[in-house]
Amino acid sequence: MKALCYKCRTVFDVDPWEHAVVTCRKCGEKLDSALAINEFMLQPKSDDRNDFIIEKGILTAYLGNSKKVVIPSGVSGIGANVFRGTALNEVVIPDGVASIGNYAFSVCRNLRDIVLPSSVKTIEAYAFSYSGIQNVVIPDGVASIGDYAFSSCSDLHNIVLPSSMPSVKTIGKYAFSDSAIQSVVIPKGVSKISVGTFENCSNLKSVIIPDSVISIEDKAFQNCTSLQIISIPQSVTFIGSWAFSKSRIENIDIPAGVKDISDYCFENCHSLRSIVIPDGVKSIGNEAFLMCFSLKNIIIPNSVASISQDAFGGCKNISRIVAPRRFCDAPALMKLQHVTTWV
């Protein structure tokens, strides 16, 4: 018989004659079998809703095993875990659905394409993570994309974010990490590129960052091994640790508002040939340019007050550094004395 956990709303099979008390496989709650069966029986079902459990407009469970699912009209949200790990390969989401819950389509390996209706406003954490989707268009009305929402979608090559009516204000941590996306235009209105948003996107070649962005956080583009060209707008005032490490960028102009070059920010950027450090930068962090083998020329402005010891470690091809004279004994530059011009 079918039973329903009152705590996490997971549906499962139970034999009340064998087990008077059962443990929910998902949340571990101890349940009275008879009460759990009764909980399931009391769930509202529509004419053709034998496979759906809907509570106050929210789809909370899917009981079927069909590979093609048409979600009933009138549903306003898809709850957490509803289709997680199923063999689903096609789903029709009706207009009126405003939210897609945590893990809703996670690990749906056979789900290749999905059309999100214009009514969707929020895509919550892990909603499509580890799924097989290849293309997705985010509707104009979406305001937030949750942490890890499309993470580890190894077949996801194309994603279109709103541009004509930019509504997205928040893109969560690791939202597109470990995906196969090749290019992205970040909507105007987004103020930060969160931790790890595009980490390990090895196919990412093109990124357009709007001037609404003020912060590029830790690991935002770490290990984007195909990313060669990126323009950071002057609105940016913070670039976090490992933000561009192990990418293929060749040239970078740090915006004038950035005060600190964070630890490991550009480490192992083997193709980095030139970097412009603006007057106003106060510190260059630990291993900020470690192993940047192609870096040849560096001008350190007078505003810099500190340079961490291994800031330029392994930069064996540097041929010229211009730096304030007060750094002549700085450990970071001691090994480069022969190529340094003091001013």
Protein backbone atom coordinates (compact mmCIF):
# COMPACT_ATOMS: atom_id res chain seq x y z
CA MET A 1 0.00 0.00 0.00
CA LYS A 2 1.04 3.60 -0.56
CA ALA A 3 1.97 5.72 2.44
CA LEU A 4 3.06 9.32 2.82
CA CYS A 5 5.59 10.78 5.23
CA TYR A 6 3.94 13.72 6.95
CA LYS A 7 7.31 15.42 7.47
CA CYS A 8 9.03 15.40 4.06
CA ARG A 9 6.02 14.36 1.90
CA THR A 10 7.81 11.35 0.41
CA VAL A 11 5.53 8.60 -0.93
CA PHE A 12 6.59 4.98 -0.37
CA ASP A 13 5.20 1.43 -0.25
CA VAL A 14 4.40 -0.20 3.07
CA ASP A 15 2.82 -3.43 4.32
CA PRO A 16 0.97 -2.48 7.54
CA TRP A 17 0.50 -6.19 8.42
CA GLU A 18 4.26 -6.69 8.57
CA HIS A 19 5.39 -3.35 9.95
CA ALA A 20 3.34 -1.30 12.40
CA VAL A 21 6.10 1.33 12.48
CA VAL A 22 8.21 2.25 9.45
CA THR A 23 11.13 4.58 8.83
CA CYS A 24 10.96 7.12 6.00
CA ARG A 25 13.78 6.31 3.61
CA LYS A 26 14.35 9.96 2.87
CA CYS A 27 14.24 11.86 6.16
CA GLY A 28 14.51 9.01 8.66
CA GLU A 29 11.28 9.89 10.49
CA LYS A 30 9.64 7.04 12.43
CA LEU A 31 6.03 6.69 11.23
CA ASP A 32 2.95 4.77 12.29
CA SER A 33 2.10 2.70 9.18
CA ALA A 34 -1.67 3.15 9.46
CA LEU A 35 -1.37 6.91 9.93
CA ALA A 36 1.04 7.20 7.02
CA ILE A 37 -1.35 5.28 4.75
CA ASN A 38 -4.20 7.50 5.89
CA GLU A 39 -2.06 10.58 5.18
CA PHE A 40 -1.60 9.35 1.63
CA MET A 41 -5.32 8.61 1.14
CA LEU A 42 -6.29 12.12 2.25
CA GLN A 43 -4.17 13.82 -0.41
CA PRO A 44 -6.31 15.77 -2.88
CA LYS A 45 -6.40 14.23 -6.36
CA SER A 46 -8.12 15.49 -9.50
CA ASP A 47 -9.85 13.43 -12.18
CA ASP A 48 -6.66 12.56 -13.95
CA ARG A 49 -4.37 13.23 -11.01
CA ASN A 50 -3.89 9.68 -9.88
CA ASP A 51 -0.19 10.10 -10.45
CA PHE A 52 0.05 13.56 -8.87
CA ILE A 53 -0.15 14.81 -5.31
CA ILE A 54 -1.03 18.50 -5.21
CA GLU A 55 -1.24 20.58 -2.04
CA LYS A 56 -2.56 24.11 -2.21
CA GLY A 57 -1.48 24.39 -5.83
CA ILE A 58 2.00 22.92 -5.25
CA LEU A 59 2.89 19.64 -6.93
CA THR A 60 4.52 17.74 -4.06
CA ALA A 61 4.89 14.24 -5.51
CA TYR A 62 4.67 12.29 -8.74
CA LEU A 63 3.66 8.64 -8.36
CA GLY A 64 3.79 7.51 -11.97
CA ASN A 65 6.57 6.06 -14.07
CA SER A 66 5.80 7.64 -17.43
CA LYS A 67 8.70 9.04 -19.43
CA LYS A 68 6.49 11.85 -20.71
CA VAL A 69 4.67 13.89 -18.09
CA VAL A 70 2.11 16.65 -18.57
CA ILE A 71 1.77 18.56 -15.32
CA PRO A 72 -1.89 19.43 -14.67
CA SER A 73 -3.07 23.00 -15.23
CA GLY A 74 -3.71 24.94 -12.06
CA VAL A 75 -0.39 23.93 -10.51
CA SER A 76 1.44 27.04 -9.27
CA GLY A 77 4.70 25.42 -8.17
CA ILE A 78 6.74 22.25 -8.52
CA GLY A 79 7.92 21.16 -5.10
CA ALA A 80 11.22 19.76 -3.92
CA ASN A 81 12.41 16.38 -5.25
CA VAL A 82 9.23 15.73 -7.26
CA PHE A 83 10.92 14.20 -10.32
CA ARG A 84 14.37 13.68 -8.84
CA GLY A 85 16.16 10.67 -10.29
CA THR A 86 13.26 9.53 -12.51
CA ALA A 87 13.49 8.23 -16.10
CA LEU A 88 11.60 11.30 -17.31
CA ASN A 89 12.60 12.41 -20.83
CA GLU A 90 9.89 14.96 -21.56
CA VAL A 91 7.81 17.23 -19.36
CA VAL A 92 5.19 19.85 -20.14
CA ILE A 93 5.04 22.60 -17.53
CA PRO A 94 1.82 24.63 -17.71
CA ASP A 95 1.64 28.39 -17.70
CA GLY A 96 0.96 29.48 -14.15
CA VAL A 97 3.85 27.60 -12.55
CA ALA A 98 5.84 30.26 -10.68
CA SER A 99 8.49 28.21 -8.87
CA ILE A 100 10.59 25.14 -9.49
CA GLY A 101 11.69 23.68 -6.19
CA ASN A 102 14.92 22.28 -4.80
CA TYR A 103 16.12 19.18 -6.70
CA ALA A 104 12.83 19.11 -8.67
CA PHE A 105 14.45 17.64 -11.80
CA SER A 106 17.83 16.73 -10.37
CA VAL A 107 19.47 13.59 -11.76
CA CYS A 108 16.88 13.29 -14.56
CA ARG A 109 19.56 11.94 -16.90
CA ASN A 110 17.20 11.38 -19.83
CA LEU A 111 15.65 14.85 -19.76
CA ARG A 112 17.21 16.64 -22.75
CA ASP A 113 15.11 19.75 -23.33
CA ILE A 114 12.72 21.73 -21.22
CA VAL A 115 10.50 24.72 -21.92
CA LEU A 116 9.94 26.98 -18.94
CA PRO A 117 6.74 29.01 -19.12
CA SER A 118 6.83 32.80 -18.81
CA SER A 119 5.13 32.53 -15.40
CA VAL A 120 8.26 31.09 -13.73
CA LYS A 121 9.79 33.51 -11.21
CA THR A 122 12.20 31.37 -9.20
CA ILE A 123 14.40 28.38 -9.95
CA GLU A 124 15.56 26.99 -6.64
CA ALA A 125 18.74 25.22 -5.54
CA TYR A 126 19.82 22.10 -7.47
CA ALA A 127 16.58 22.25 -9.52
CA PHE A 128 18.15 20.76 -12.67
CA SER A 129 21.53 19.65 -11.31
CA TYR A 130 23.01 16.48 -12.83
CA SER A 131 20.21 16.34 -15.41
CA GLY A 132 20.67 15.64 -19.12
CA ILE A 133 19.30 18.95 -20.41
CA GLN A 134 21.11 20.40 -23.40
CA ASN A 135 19.42 23.75 -23.93
CA VAL A 136 17.44 26.09 -21.73
CA VAL A 137 15.91 29.53 -22.11
CA ILE A 138 15.33 31.35 -18.84
CA PRO A 139 12.06 33.34 -19.08
CA ASP A 140 12.11 37.11 -18.74
CA GLY A 141 10.24 37.04 -15.44
CA VAL A 142 12.74 34.91 -13.52
CA ALA A 143 14.17 36.89 -10.61
CA SER A 144 16.48 34.33 -9.02
CA ILE A 145 18.42 31.23 -9.98
CA GLY A 146 19.37 29.18 -6.94
CA ASP A 147 22.66 27.66 -5.81
CA TYR A 148 23.78 24.75 -8.02
CA ALA A 149 20.57 25.08 -10.09
CA PHE A 150 22.21 23.81 -13.30
CA SER A 151 25.40 22.43 -11.79
CA SER A 152 26.96 19.31 -13.33
CA CYS A 153 24.69 19.37 -16.39
CA SER A 154 27.46 17.94 -18.55
CA ASP A 155 25.39 18.16 -21.76
CA LEU A 156 24.15 21.72 -21.20
CA HIS A 157 25.70 23.67 -24.09
CA ASN A 158 23.34 26.61 -24.47
CA ILE A 159 21.64 28.81 -21.92
CA VAL A 160 19.86 32.06 -22.66
CA LEU A 161 19.37 34.47 -19.78
CA PRO A 162 16.89 37.37 -19.97
CA SER A 163 18.20 40.42 -21.80
CA SER A 164 15.30 42.40 -23.28
CA MET A 165 13.57 42.58 -19.88
CA PRO A 166 16.36 41.77 -17.44
CA SER A 167 14.67 40.61 -14.27
CA VAL A 168 17.30 38.25 -12.88
CA LYS A 169 18.89 39.86 -9.83
CA THR A 170 20.45 36.82 -8.20
CA ILE A 171 22.42 33.94 -9.67
CA GLY A 172 23.38 31.56 -6.91
CA LYS A 173 26.64 29.89 -5.97
CA TYR A 174 27.89 27.27 -8.44
CA ALA A 175 24.70 27.78 -10.48
CA PHE A 176 26.28 26.64 -13.77
CA SER A 177 29.45 24.97 -12.50
CA ASP A 178 30.68 21.83 -14.26
CA SER A 179 28.33 22.39 -17.20
CA ALA A 180 29.21 22.48 -20.91
CA ILE A 181 27.98 26.01 -21.66
CA GLN A 182 29.99 27.81 -24.33
CA SER A 183 28.90 31.42 -23.94
CA VAL A 184 26.85 33.52 -21.58
CA VAL A 185 25.50 37.05 -21.44
CA ILE A 186 24.92 37.97 -17.81
CA PRO A 187 21.74 40.04 -17.47
CA LYS A 188 22.00 43.72 -16.63
CA GLY A 189 20.73 44.03 -13.08
CA VAL A 190 22.85 41.24 -11.63
CA SER A 191 25.16 42.84 -9.06
CA LYS A 192 27.51 39.95 -8.34
CA ILE A 193 28.84 36.83 -9.96
CA SER A 194 28.59 34.45 -7.05
CA VAL A 195 31.09 31.95 -5.68
CA GLY A 196 31.89 29.28 -8.27
CA THR A 197 29.09 30.30 -10.65
CA PHE A 198 31.00 29.09 -13.73
CA GLU A 199 33.69 26.99 -12.08
CA ASN A 200 34.96 24.10 -14.22
CA CYS A 201 33.02 25.22 -17.32
CA SER A 202 35.79 23.99 -19.59
CA ASN A 203 33.91 24.86 -22.81
CA LEU A 204 33.14 28.45 -21.83
CA LYS A 205 34.71 30.81 -24.36
CA SER A 206 32.69 34.01 -24.20
CA VAL A 207 31.31 35.98 -21.25
CA ILE A 208 29.72 39.41 -21.33
CA ILE A 209 29.55 41.10 -17.93
CA PRO A 210 27.24 44.13 -17.57
CA ASP A 211 28.16 47.30 -15.71
CA SER A 212 25.67 46.46 -12.96
CA VAL A 213 28.13 43.88 -11.59
CA ILE A 214 30.24 45.16 -8.70
CA SER A 215 31.62 41.87 -7.37
CA ILE A 216 33.21 38.80 -8.96
CA GLU A 217 33.44 36.34 -6.11
CA ASP A 218 35.75 33.45 -5.25
CA LYS A 219 36.20 30.79 -7.95
CA ALA A 220 33.67 32.48 -10.25
CA PHE A 221 35.56 31.44 -13.40
CA GLN A 222 38.09 29.02 -11.94
CA ASN A 223 39.26 26.33 -14.33
CA CYS A 224 37.44 27.80 -17.33
CA THR A 225 40.17 26.42 -19.55
CA SER A 226 38.73 27.74 -22.84
CA LEU A 227 38.10 31.29 -21.61
CA GLN A 228 40.61 33.54 -23.39
CA ILE A 229 38.98 36.95 -23.55
CA ILE A 230 36.97 38.73 -20.88
CA SER A 231 36.28 42.38 -20.24
CA ILE A 232 35.71 43.38 -16.63
CA PRO A 233 33.55 46.51 -16.40
CA GLN A 234 34.72 49.52 -14.40
CA SER A 235 31.79 49.00 -12.01
CA VAL A 236 33.59 46.02 -10.43
CA THR A 237 35.22 46.80 -7.08
CA PHE A 238 35.98 43.27 -5.85
CA ILE A 239 37.56 40.22 -7.47
CA GLY A 240 37.77 37.20 -5.18
CA SER A 241 40.30 34.45 -4.59
CA TRP A 242 40.77 31.98 -7.47
CA ALA A 243 38.31 34.06 -9.50
CA PHE A 244 40.12 33.41 -12.79
CA SER A 245 42.67 30.79 -11.79
CA LYS A 246 43.52 28.16 -14.41
CA SER A 247 41.68 30.05 -17.15
CA ARG A 248 43.20 30.86 -20.55
CA ILE A 249 42.81 34.61 -20.40
CA GLU A 250 45.58 36.46 -22.19
CA ASN A 251 45.06 40.07 -21.12
CA ILE A 252 43.31 41.66 -18.18
CA ASP A 253 42.60 45.25 -17.17
CA ILE A 254 41.74 45.44 -13.49
CA PRO A 255 39.09 48.12 -12.89
CA ALA A 256 40.11 51.28 -11.08
CA GLY A 257 37.79 50.60 -8.15
CA VAL A 258 39.45 47.33 -7.16
CA LYS A 259 41.56 47.85 -4.02
CA ASP A 260 42.99 44.36 -3.53
CA ILE A 261 44.12 41.65 -5.91
CA SER A 262 43.00 38.60 -3.93
CA ASP A 263 45.00 35.50 -3.12
CA TYR A 264 45.36 33.08 -6.05
CA CYS A 265 43.22 35.36 -8.23
CA PHE A 266 45.08 34.62 -11.48
CA GLU A 267 47.25 31.68 -10.43
CA ASN A 268 48.13 29.20 -13.15
CA CYS A 269 46.82 31.43 -15.94
CA HIS A 270 49.54 30.14 -18.23
CA SER A 271 48.42 32.26 -21.20
CA LEU A 272 48.27 35.58 -19.34
CA ARG A 273 50.60 37.95 -21.19
CA SER A 274 49.73 41.35 -19.82
CA ILE A 275 47.92 42.83 -16.88
CA VAL A 276 47.11 46.43 -16.05
CA ILE A 277 47.15 47.13 -12.32
CA PRO A 278 45.50 50.52 -11.74
CA ASP A 279 46.66 53.19 -9.34
CA GLY A 280 44.44 52.62 -6.32
CA VAL A 281 45.23 48.95 -5.76
CA LYS A 282 46.60 48.59 -2.23
CA SER A 283 47.65 44.94 -2.04
CA ILE A 284 48.64 42.00 -4.22
CA GLY A 285 47.70 38.74 -2.52
CA ASN A 286 49.42 35.45 -1.94
CA GLU A 287 50.25 33.59 -5.19
CA ALA A 288 48.00 36.02 -7.06
CA PHE A 289 50.00 35.43 -10.28
CA LEU A 290 51.63 32.11 -9.43
CA MET A 291 52.89 30.20 -12.49
CA CYS A 292 51.76 32.80 -15.01
CA PHE A 293 54.45 31.64 -17.42
CA SER A 294 53.56 34.02 -20.27
CA LEU A 295 53.64 37.17 -18.14
CA LYS A 296 56.51 39.40 -19.27
CA ASN A 297 55.86 42.95 -18.08
CA ILE A 298 54.40 44.28 -14.82
CA ILE A 299 53.92 47.83 -13.64
CA ILE A 300 53.18 48.13 -9.93
CA PRO A 301 51.57 51.47 -9.09
CA ASN A 302 52.62 53.66 -6.20
CA SER A 303 49.34 53.00 -4.38
CA VAL A 304 50.36 49.39 -3.62
CA ALA A 305 51.29 49.02 0.05
CA SER A 306 51.93 45.28 0.22
CA ILE A 307 52.94 42.45 -2.09
CA SER A 308 52.67 38.92 -0.70
CA GLN A 309 55.80 36.82 -0.78
CA ASP A 310 54.80 34.43 -3.57
CA ALA A 311 52.67 36.84 -5.56
CA PHE A 312 54.75 36.22 -8.71
CA GLY A 313 56.11 32.77 -7.86
CA GLY A 314 57.11 30.72 -10.88
CA CYS A 315 56.68 33.61 -13.34
CA LYS A 316 59.92 32.60 -15.02
CA ASN A 317 59.52 34.67 -18.20
CA ILE A 318 59.09 38.11 -16.65
CA SER A 319 61.53 40.42 -18.37
CA ARG A 320 60.58 43.79 -16.87
CA ILE A 321 58.99 45.06 -13.67
CA VAL A 322 58.46 48.70 -12.78
CA ALA A 323 57.88 49.09 -9.05
CA PRO A 324 58.17 51.67 -6.26
CA ARG A 325 61.67 51.74 -4.74
CA ARG A 326 60.35 50.80 -1.28
CA PHE A 327 59.85 47.25 -2.57
CA CYS A 328 63.53 46.71 -3.41
CA ASP A 329 63.86 44.35 -0.43
CA ALA A 330 60.42 42.75 -0.81
CA PRO A 331 60.70 38.92 -0.93
CA ALA A 332 58.17 38.83 -3.79
CA LEU A 333 60.55 40.79 -6.02
CA MET A 334 63.95 39.68 -4.70
CA LYS A 335 64.31 36.94 -7.30
CA LEU A 336 63.36 39.42 -10.01
CA GLN A 337 65.83 42.15 -9.04
CA HIS A 338 67.68 41.83 -12.33
CA VAL A 339 64.58 42.79 -14.34
CA THR A 340 63.19 45.43 -11.98
CA THR A 341 63.21 49.15 -12.55
CA TRP A 342 62.75 51.11 -9.32
CA VAL A 343 60.83 54.38 -9.40
